[in-house]
């Protein structure tokens, strides 16, 4: 299977202080990967680097076979990588349809294409079909996340980066998030999901990576990692690094 993303000895940091050390390896096209670990492990830092918000201090990020390390966010976006931010990024006074269609901003002159793309996504995300004219500000937390995910899909991306998609949501919203992430992945999109809710992330993903202190402590199928008896020791760095 081809790689949608590949890290080559990637090191990231702020003001010359490394936050992520020597990340290396491919991410298969079409995978749904959960990246879990404690606060400060470097998970969100990796997403910033992929989307062009942080320039690597060493190594490379290869997207669909092209080295795009340190390229501006617009270049990364045109390469087919979209990030859904950690906090609510919707316009409360715009409708569901308007918010979703903003995701196709770079194609805004192709009106028919934008409308067709929305209609296709409405097949995967029923909320788009059932409540297109509802103001985003009146939606529940899980519903707002669904609109954000659908907006990210408007560009027909190759890779979607999710930063803490369940943050601050009530348990009832988790089922909505689960279904929405699976809908994205069912379109053939590679999903890289940073998640603090370890149980949720490992139950949803097919592969997973545990990060601790800026390094990969463990990687494998989500089932293998979930079933490890010493997972919490690895999670909090109490046992040696393993890959």
C-alpha atoms as a PDB file:
ATOM      1  CA  UNK A   1       0.000   0.000   0.000  1.00  0.00           C
ATOM      2  CA  UNK A   2       1.318   3.449  -0.893  1.00  0.00           C
ATOM      3  CA  UNK A   3       2.184   6.030   1.746  1.00  0.00           C
ATOM      4  CA  UNK A   4       0.058   9.160   2.075  1.00  0.00           C
ATOM      5  CA  UNK A   5       2.547  10.639   4.535  1.00  0.00           C
ATOM      6  CA  UNK A   6       6.099   9.796   5.448  1.00  0.00           C
ATOM      7  CA  UNK A   7       8.317  11.184   8.199  1.00  0.00           C
ATOM      8  CA  UNK A   8      12.046  11.034   7.625  1.00  0.00           C
ATOM      9  CA  UNK A   9      14.070  11.542  10.784  1.00  0.00           C
ATOM     10  CA  UNK A  10      11.795  14.447  11.689  1.00  0.00           C
ATOM     11  CA  UNK A  11      12.757  16.709  14.586  1.00  0.00           C
ATOM     12  CA  UNK A  12      10.583  19.638  15.639  1.00  0.00           C
ATOM     13  CA  UNK A  13      11.021  22.373  18.206  1.00  0.00           C
ATOM     14  CA  UNK A  14      10.382  25.885  19.418  1.00  0.00           C
ATOM     15  CA  UNK A  15      13.206  28.392  19.914  1.00  0.00           C
ATOM     16  CA  UNK A  16      15.781  25.629  19.386  1.00  0.00           C
ATOM     17  CA  UNK A  17      14.249  23.436  22.095  1.00  0.00           C
ATOM     18  CA  UNK A  18      13.265  20.063  20.576  1.00  0.00           C
ATOM     19  CA  UNK A  19       9.665  19.025  21.164  1.00  0.00           C
ATOM     20  CA  UNK A  20       9.612  15.966  18.871  1.00  0.00           C
ATOM     21  CA  UNK A  21      12.670  13.795  18.286  1.00  0.00           C
ATOM     22  CA  UNK A  22      13.527  11.732  15.203  1.00  0.00           C
ATOM     23  CA  UNK A  23      10.058  10.746  14.028  1.00  0.00           C
ATOM     24  CA  UNK A  24      10.421   8.263  11.206  1.00  0.00           C
ATOM     25  CA  UNK A  25       8.192   6.056   9.092  1.00  0.00           C
ATOM     26  CA  UNK A  26       5.291   5.969   6.608  1.00  0.00           C
ATOM     27  CA  UNK A  27       1.543   6.334   7.065  1.00  0.00           C
ATOM     28  CA  UNK A  28      -0.373   4.188   4.603  1.00  0.00           C
ATOM     29  CA  UNK A  29      -2.906   5.721   2.261  1.00  0.00           C
ATOM     30  CA  UNK A  30      -6.442   5.238   3.589  1.00  0.00           C
ATOM     31  CA  UNK A  31      -5.357   4.517   7.169  1.00  0.00           C
ATOM     32  CA  UNK A  32      -7.174   5.787  10.243  1.00  0.00           C
ATOM     33  CA  UNK A  33      -4.479   6.425  12.839  1.00  0.00           C
ATOM     34  CA  UNK A  34      -4.867   7.587  16.431  1.00  0.00           C
ATOM     35  CA  UNK A  35      -1.943   9.395  18.045  1.00  0.00           C
ATOM     36  CA  UNK A  36      -2.296   9.262  21.809  1.00  0.00           C
ATOM     37  CA  UNK A  37      -0.156  10.287  24.744  1.00  0.00           C
ATOM     38  CA  UNK A  38      -0.033  12.637  27.733  1.00  0.00           C
ATOM     39  CA  UNK A  39      -0.050  16.420  27.514  1.00  0.00           C
ATOM     40  CA  UNK A  40       3.264  17.747  26.221  1.00  0.00           C
ATOM     41  CA  UNK A  41       4.094  14.553  24.332  1.00  0.00           C
ATOM     42  CA  UNK A  42       4.376  16.433  21.016  1.00  0.00           C
ATOM     43  CA  UNK A  43       1.197  15.169  19.358  1.00  0.00           C
ATOM     44  CA  UNK A  44      -0.258  18.510  18.235  1.00  0.00           C
ATOM     45  CA  UNK A  45       3.237  19.735  17.324  1.00  0.00           C
ATOM     46  CA  UNK A  46       3.412  17.013  14.675  1.00  0.00           C
ATOM     47  CA  UNK A  47       0.114  18.193  13.165  1.00  0.00           C
ATOM     48  CA  UNK A  48       1.374  21.787  13.037  1.00  0.00           C
ATOM     49  CA  UNK A  49       4.435  20.665  11.101  1.00  0.00           C
ATOM     50  CA  UNK A  50       2.438  18.595   8.616  1.00  0.00           C
ATOM     51  CA  UNK A  51       0.074  21.495   7.877  1.00  0.00           C
ATOM     52  CA  UNK A  52       2.939  23.967   7.420  1.00  0.00           C
ATOM     53  CA  UNK A  53       2.490  25.969  10.628  1.00  0.00           C
ATOM     54  CA  UNK A  54       5.847  24.839  12.028  1.00  0.00           C
ATOM     55  CA  UNK A  55       9.084  24.404  10.106  1.00  0.00           C
ATOM     56  CA  UNK A  56      11.077  21.250  10.944  1.00  0.00           C
ATOM     57  CA  UNK A  57      14.484  21.734  12.520  1.00  0.00           C
ATOM     58  CA  UNK A  58      15.649  18.479  10.971  1.00  0.00           C
ATOM     59  CA  UNK A  59      14.376  15.818   8.605  1.00  0.00           C
ATOM     60  CA  UNK A  60      11.512  15.821   6.133  1.00  0.00           C
ATOM     61  CA  UNK A  61       7.753  15.463   5.754  1.00  0.00           C
ATOM     62  CA  UNK A  62       6.830  13.766   2.479  1.00  0.00           C
ATOM     63  CA  UNK A  63       3.248  14.047   1.240  1.00  0.00           C
ATOM     64  CA  UNK A  64       2.172  11.756  -1.589  1.00  0.00           C
ATOM     65  CA  UNK A  65       5.816  11.292  -2.584  1.00  0.00           C
ATOM     66  CA  UNK A  66       6.742  14.996  -2.542  1.00  0.00           C
ATOM     67  CA  UNK A  67       8.939  16.592   0.130  1.00  0.00           C
ATOM     68  CA  UNK A  68       6.878  19.535   1.393  1.00  0.00           C
ATOM     69  CA  UNK A  69       8.846  20.187   4.583  1.00  0.00           C
ATOM     70  CA  UNK A  70       8.548  23.798   5.685  1.00  0.00           C
ATOM     71  CA  UNK A  71       6.294  24.804   2.790  1.00  0.00           C
ATOM     72  CA  UNK A  72       3.613  27.430   3.539  1.00  0.00           C
ATOM     73  CA  UNK A  73       0.149  26.241   4.638  1.00  0.00           C
ATOM     74  CA  UNK A  74      -1.404  27.218   1.297  1.00  0.00           C
ATOM     75  CA  UNK A  75       0.962  24.861  -0.523  1.00  0.00           C
ATOM     76  CA  UNK A  76       0.149  22.048   1.898  1.00  0.00           C
ATOM     77  CA  UNK A  77      -3.562  22.688   1.416  1.00  0.00           C
ATOM     78  CA  UNK A  78      -3.267  22.500  -2.366  1.00  0.00           C
ATOM     79  CA  UNK A  79      -1.348  19.236  -1.924  1.00  0.00           C
ATOM     80  CA  UNK A  80      -4.469  17.743  -0.355  1.00  0.00           C
ATOM     81  CA  UNK A  81      -3.861  18.039   3.397  1.00  0.00           C
ATOM     82  CA  UNK A  82      -6.549  19.678   5.547  1.00  0.00           C
ATOM     83  CA  UNK A  83      -6.478  20.208   9.307  1.00  0.00           C
ATOM     84  CA  UNK A  84      -9.516  20.503  11.568  1.00  0.00           C
ATOM     85  CA  UNK A  85      -8.434  22.669  14.528  1.00  0.00           C
ATOM     86  CA  UNK A  86      -8.832  21.759  18.167  1.00  0.00           C
ATOM     87  CA  UNK A  87     -11.396  24.435  18.992  1.00  0.00           C
ATOM     88  CA  UNK A  88     -14.697  25.300  17.325  1.00  0.00           C
ATOM     89  CA  UNK A  89     -13.959  27.058  14.041  1.00  0.00           C
ATOM     90  CA  UNK A  90     -17.476  27.546  12.695  1.00  0.00           C
ATOM     91  CA  UNK A  91     -19.210  30.831  11.974  1.00  0.00           C
ATOM     92  CA  UNK A  92     -22.156  30.755  14.375  1.00  0.00           C
ATOM     93  CA  UNK A  93     -24.347  33.092  12.295  1.00  0.00           C
ATOM     94  CA  UNK A  94     -23.876  31.164   9.059  1.00  0.00           C
ATOM     95  CA  UNK A  95     -25.903  28.086   8.145  1.00  0.00           C
ATOM     96  CA  UNK A  96     -24.649  24.533   7.984  1.00  0.00           C
ATOM     97  CA  UNK A  97     -24.505  24.737   4.185  1.00  0.00           C
ATOM     98  CA  UNK A  98     -22.633  28.056   4.202  1.00  0.00           C
ATOM     99  CA  UNK A  99     -20.065  26.838   6.716  1.00  0.00           C
ATOM    100  CA  UNK A 100     -19.436  23.625   4.812  1.00  0.00           C
ATOM    101  CA  UNK A 101     -19.117  25.357   1.452  1.00  0.00           C
ATOM    102  CA  UNK A 102     -16.480  27.693   2.862  1.00  0.00           C
ATOM    103  CA  UNK A 103     -14.217  24.648   2.812  1.00  0.00           C
ATOM    104  CA  UNK A 104     -14.157  24.917  -0.971  1.00  0.00           C
ATOM    105  CA  UNK A 105     -12.996  28.539  -0.909  1.00  0.00           C
ATOM    106  CA  UNK A 106     -10.174  27.933  -3.387  1.00  0.00           C
ATOM    107  CA  UNK A 107     -12.803  26.545  -5.815  1.00  0.00           C
ATOM    108  CA  UNK A 108     -15.384  29.265  -5.110  1.00  0.00           C
ATOM    109  CA  UNK A 109     -15.648  30.292  -8.788  1.00  0.00           C
ATOM    110  CA  UNK A 110     -16.689  26.740  -9.711  1.00  0.00           C
ATOM    111  CA  UNK A 111     -20.156  27.079  -8.243  1.00  0.00           C
ATOM    112  CA  UNK A 112     -21.620  23.959  -9.807  1.00  0.00           C
ATOM    113  CA  UNK A 113     -18.672  21.890  -8.585  1.00  0.00           C
ATOM    114  CA  UNK A 114     -19.114  23.218  -5.046  1.00  0.00           C
ATOM    115  CA  UNK A 115     -22.826  22.378  -5.047  1.00  0.00           C
ATOM    116  CA  UNK A 116     -22.190  18.883  -6.378  1.00  0.00           C
ATOM    117  CA  UNK A 117     -19.516  18.262  -3.762  1.00  0.00           C
ATOM    118  CA  UNK A 118     -21.883  19.359  -0.993  1.00  0.00           C
ATOM    119  CA  UNK A 119     -24.602  17.018  -2.265  1.00  0.00           C
ATOM    120  CA  UNK A 120     -22.135  14.107  -2.357  1.00  0.00           C
ATOM    121  CA  UNK A 121     -21.008  14.781   1.210  1.00  0.00           C
ATOM    122  CA  UNK A 122     -24.635  14.945   2.334  1.00  0.00           C
ATOM    123  CA  UNK A 123     -24.812  11.233   1.490  1.00  0.00           C
ATOM    124  CA  UNK A 124     -22.091  10.558   4.071  1.00  0.00           C
ATOM    125  CA  UNK A 125     -23.084  13.206   6.613  1.00  0.00           C
ATOM    126  CA  UNK A 126     -26.901  13.156   7.043  1.00  0.00           C
ATOM    127  CA  UNK A 127     -26.840  16.422   9.010  1.00  0.00           C
ATOM    128  CA  UNK A 128     -25.964  18.260   5.780  1.00  0.00           C
ATOM    129  CA  UNK A 129     -29.090  16.911   4.134  1.00  0.00           C
ATOM    130  CA  UNK A 130     -31.422  17.208   7.114  1.00  0.00           C
ATOM    131  CA  UNK A 131     -30.462  20.665   8.432  1.00  0.00           C
ATOM    132  CA  UNK A 132     -28.700  22.647   5.687  1.00  0.00           C
ATOM    133  CA  UNK A 133     -30.334  25.943   6.679  1.00  0.00           C
ATOM    134  CA  UNK A 134     -29.789  25.636  10.447  1.00  0.00           C
ATOM    135  CA  UNK A 135     -27.484  28.248  11.969  1.00  0.00           C
ATOM    136  CA  UNK A 136     -24.259  26.657  13.183  1.00  0.00           C
ATOM    137  CA  UNK A 137     -24.538  28.424  16.535  1.00  0.00           C
ATOM    138  CA  UNK A 138     -27.643  26.414  17.409  1.00  0.00           C
ATOM    139  CA  UNK A 139     -26.026  23.001  16.903  1.00  0.00           C
ATOM    140  CA  UNK A 140     -24.782  20.660  19.608  1.00  0.00           C
ATOM    141  CA  UNK A 141     -21.056  20.149  20.122  1.00  0.00           C
ATOM    142  CA  UNK A 142     -21.015  16.876  18.203  1.00  0.00           C
ATOM    143  CA  UNK A 143     -23.045  18.356  15.364  1.00  0.00           C
ATOM    144  CA  UNK A 144     -20.693  21.321  15.088  1.00  0.00           C
ATOM    145  CA  UNK A 145     -17.778  18.933  14.826  1.00  0.00           C
ATOM    146  CA  UNK A 146     -19.580  17.074  12.044  1.00  0.00           C
ATOM    147  CA  UNK A 147     -19.940  20.333  10.104  1.00  0.00           C
ATOM    148  CA  UNK A 148     -16.225  21.038  10.593  1.00  0.00           C
ATOM    149  CA  UNK A 149     -15.339  17.576   9.303  1.00  0.00           C
ATOM    150  CA  UNK A 150     -17.598  17.987   6.269  1.00  0.00           C
ATOM    151  CA  UNK A 151     -16.065  21.394   5.559  1.00  0.00           C
ATOM    152  CA  UNK A 152     -12.616  19.800   5.565  1.00  0.00           C
ATOM    153  CA  UNK A 153     -13.879  17.227   3.058  1.00  0.00           C
ATOM    154  CA  UNK A 154     -15.066  19.853   0.568  1.00  0.00           C
ATOM    155  CA  UNK A 155     -11.627  19.948  -1.049  1.00  0.00           C
ATOM    156  CA  UNK A 156     -11.670  16.166  -1.600  1.00  0.00           C
ATOM    157  CA  UNK A 157      -8.458  15.888   0.453  1.00  0.00           C
ATOM    158  CA  UNK A 158      -5.969  13.041   0.599  1.00  0.00           C
ATOM    159  CA  UNK A 159      -5.210  13.531   4.288  1.00  0.00           C
ATOM    160  CA  UNK A 160      -7.294  15.017   7.117  1.00  0.00           C
ATOM    161  CA  UNK A 161      -5.621  15.982  10.396  1.00  0.00           C
ATOM    162  CA  UNK A 162      -7.874  16.005  13.466  1.00  0.00           C
ATOM    163  CA  UNK A 163      -6.613  17.760  16.601  1.00  0.00           C
ATOM    164  CA  UNK A 164      -8.470  16.510  19.705  1.00  0.00           C
ATOM    165  CA  UNK A 165     -11.860  16.018  17.989  1.00  0.00           C
ATOM    166  CA  UNK A 166     -13.620  14.986  21.219  1.00  0.00           C
ATOM    167  CA  UNK A 167     -12.232  17.794  23.386  1.00  0.00           C
ATOM    168  CA  UNK A 168     -14.900  19.251  25.676  1.00  0.00           C
ATOM    169  CA  UNK A 169     -17.723  17.113  24.306  1.00  0.00           C
ATOM    170  CA  UNK A 170     -20.296  15.237  26.350  1.00  0.00           C
ATOM    171  CA  UNK A 171     -20.559  11.427  26.072  1.00  0.00           C
ATOM    172  CA  UNK A 172     -23.646  11.656  23.863  1.00  0.00           C
ATOM    173  CA  UNK A 173     -21.617  13.522  21.241  1.00  0.00           C
ATOM    174  CA  UNK A 174     -18.941  10.833  20.997  1.00  0.00           C
ATOM    175  CA  UNK A 175     -21.155   8.594  18.844  1.00  0.00           C
ATOM    176  CA  UNK A 176     -21.620  11.488  16.405  1.00  0.00           C
ATOM    177  CA  UNK A 177     -17.856  12.040  16.222  1.00  0.00           C
ATOM    178  CA  UNK A 178     -17.223   8.327  15.740  1.00  0.00           C
ATOM    179  CA  UNK A 179     -19.676   8.090  12.837  1.00  0.00           C
ATOM    180  CA  UNK A 180     -18.347  11.280  11.241  1.00  0.00           C
ATOM    181  CA  UNK A 181     -14.706  10.166  11.381  1.00  0.00           C
ATOM    182  CA  UNK A 182     -15.643   6.810   9.895  1.00  0.00           C
ATOM    183  CA  UNK A 183     -17.540   8.613   7.134  1.00  0.00           C
ATOM    184  CA  UNK A 184     -14.407  10.558   6.217  1.00  0.00           C
ATOM    185  CA  UNK A 185     -12.268   7.440   6.216  1.00  0.00           C
ATOM    186  CA  UNK A 186     -14.860   5.586   4.116  1.00  0.00           C
ATOM    187  CA  UNK A 187     -14.221   8.140   1.354  1.00  0.00           C
ATOM    188  CA  UNK A 188     -10.679   6.753   1.105  1.00  0.00           C
ATOM    189  CA  UNK A 189      -9.154   9.647   3.025  1.00  0.00           C
ATOM    190  CA  UNK A 190      -6.205   9.082   5.346  1.00  0.00           C
ATOM    191  CA  UNK A 191      -7.156  10.318   8.823  1.00  0.00           C
ATOM    192  CA  UNK A 192      -4.487  11.197  11.387  1.00  0.00           C
ATOM    193  CA  UNK A 193      -6.233  11.859  14.681  1.00  0.00           C
ATOM    194  CA  UNK A 194      -4.569  13.269  17.804  1.00  0.00           C
ATOM    195  CA  UNK A 195      -6.741  12.249  20.723  1.00  0.00           C
ATOM    196  CA  UNK A 196      -6.581  12.643  24.515  1.00  0.00           C
ATOM    197  CA  UNK A 197      -9.442  10.186  25.016  1.00  0.00           C
ATOM    198  CA  UNK A 198      -7.296   7.065  24.703  1.00  0.00           C
ATOM    199  CA  UNK A 199     -10.168   4.586  24.899  1.00  0.00           C
ATOM    200  CA  UNK A 200     -12.130   6.414  22.201  1.00  0.00           C
ATOM    201  CA  UNK A 201      -9.117   6.825  19.902  1.00  0.00           C
ATOM    202  CA  UNK A 202      -7.999   3.201  20.107  1.00  0.00           C
ATOM    203  CA  UNK A 203     -11.556   1.906  19.608  1.00  0.00           C
ATOM    204  CA  UNK A 204     -12.032   4.003  16.473  1.00  0.00           C
ATOM    205  CA  UNK A 205      -8.650   3.739  14.727  1.00  0.00           C
ATOM    206  CA  UNK A 206      -7.142   0.782  12.898  1.00  0.00           C
ATOM    207  CA  UNK A 207      -3.573   1.792  13.754  1.00  0.00           C
ATOM    208  CA  UNK A 208      -2.182   3.798  16.638  1.00  0.00           C
ATOM    209  CA  UNK A 209       0.949   5.505  17.909  1.00  0.00           C
ATOM    210  CA  UNK A 210       1.715   6.282  21.533  1.00  0.00           C
ATOM    211  CA  UNK A 211       3.922   9.333  22.048  1.00  0.00           C
ATOM    212  CA  UNK A 212       5.710  10.233  25.271  1.00  0.00           C
ATOM    213  CA  UNK A 213       8.191  13.070  25.871  1.00  0.00           C
ATOM    214  CA  UNK A 214       8.417  13.882  22.167  1.00  0.00           C
ATOM    215  CA  UNK A 215       9.197  10.366  21.016  1.00  0.00           C
ATOM    216  CA  UNK A 216       7.287   7.399  19.642  1.00  0.00           C
ATOM    217  CA  UNK A 217       6.989   4.963  22.533  1.00  0.00           C
ATOM    218  CA  UNK A 218       4.834   2.381  20.801  1.00  0.00           C
ATOM    219  CA  UNK A 219       3.230   1.807  17.426  1.00  0.00           C
ATOM    220  CA  UNK A 220       1.077  -0.947  15.934  1.00  0.00           C
ATOM    221  CA  UNK A 221      -2.515  -1.876  15.293  1.00  0.00           C
ATOM    222  CA  UNK A 222      -4.975  -0.182  17.620  1.00  0.00           C
ATOM    223  CA  UNK A 223      -6.042  -3.573  18.957  1.00  0.00           C
ATOM    224  CA  UNK A 224      -2.473  -4.607  19.784  1.00  0.00           C
ATOM    225  CA  UNK A 225      -1.821  -1.380  21.633  1.00  0.00           C
ATOM    226  CA  UNK A 226      -5.162  -1.390  23.449  1.00  0.00           C
ATOM    227  CA  UNK A 227      -4.550  -4.944  24.694  1.00  0.00           C
ATOM    228  CA  UNK A 228      -1.034  -4.360  26.026  1.00  0.00           C
ATOM    229  CA  UNK A 229      -1.018  -4.934  29.794  1.00  0.00           C
ATOM    230  CA  UNK A 230       1.582  -2.205  30.365  1.00  0.00           C
ATOM    231  CA  UNK A 231      -0.022   0.432  28.127  1.00  0.00           C
ATOM    232  CA  UNK A 232      -0.317   3.039  30.866  1.00  0.00           C
ATOM    233  CA  UNK A 233       3.340   2.543  31.794  1.00  0.00           C
ATOM    234  CA  UNK A 234       4.303   3.191  28.162  1.00  0.00           C
ATOM    235  CA  UNK A 235       1.830   6.082  27.997  1.00  0.00           C
ATOM    236  CA  UNK A 236       3.462   7.886  30.915  1.00  0.00           C
ATOM    237  CA  UNK A 237       7.031   6.966  30.055  1.00  0.00           C
ATOM    238  CA  UNK A 238       7.566   4.515  32.889  1.00  0.00           C
ATOM    239  CA  UNK A 239       9.068   1.853  30.621  1.00  0.00           C
ATOM    240  CA  UNK A 240      11.764   2.148  27.922  1.00  0.00           C
ATOM    241  CA  UNK A 241      10.823   3.404  24.476  1.00  0.00           C
ATOM    242  CA  UNK A 242       9.654   0.738  22.062  1.00  0.00           C
ATOM    243  CA  UNK A 243       8.644   0.957  18.392  1.00  0.00           C
END
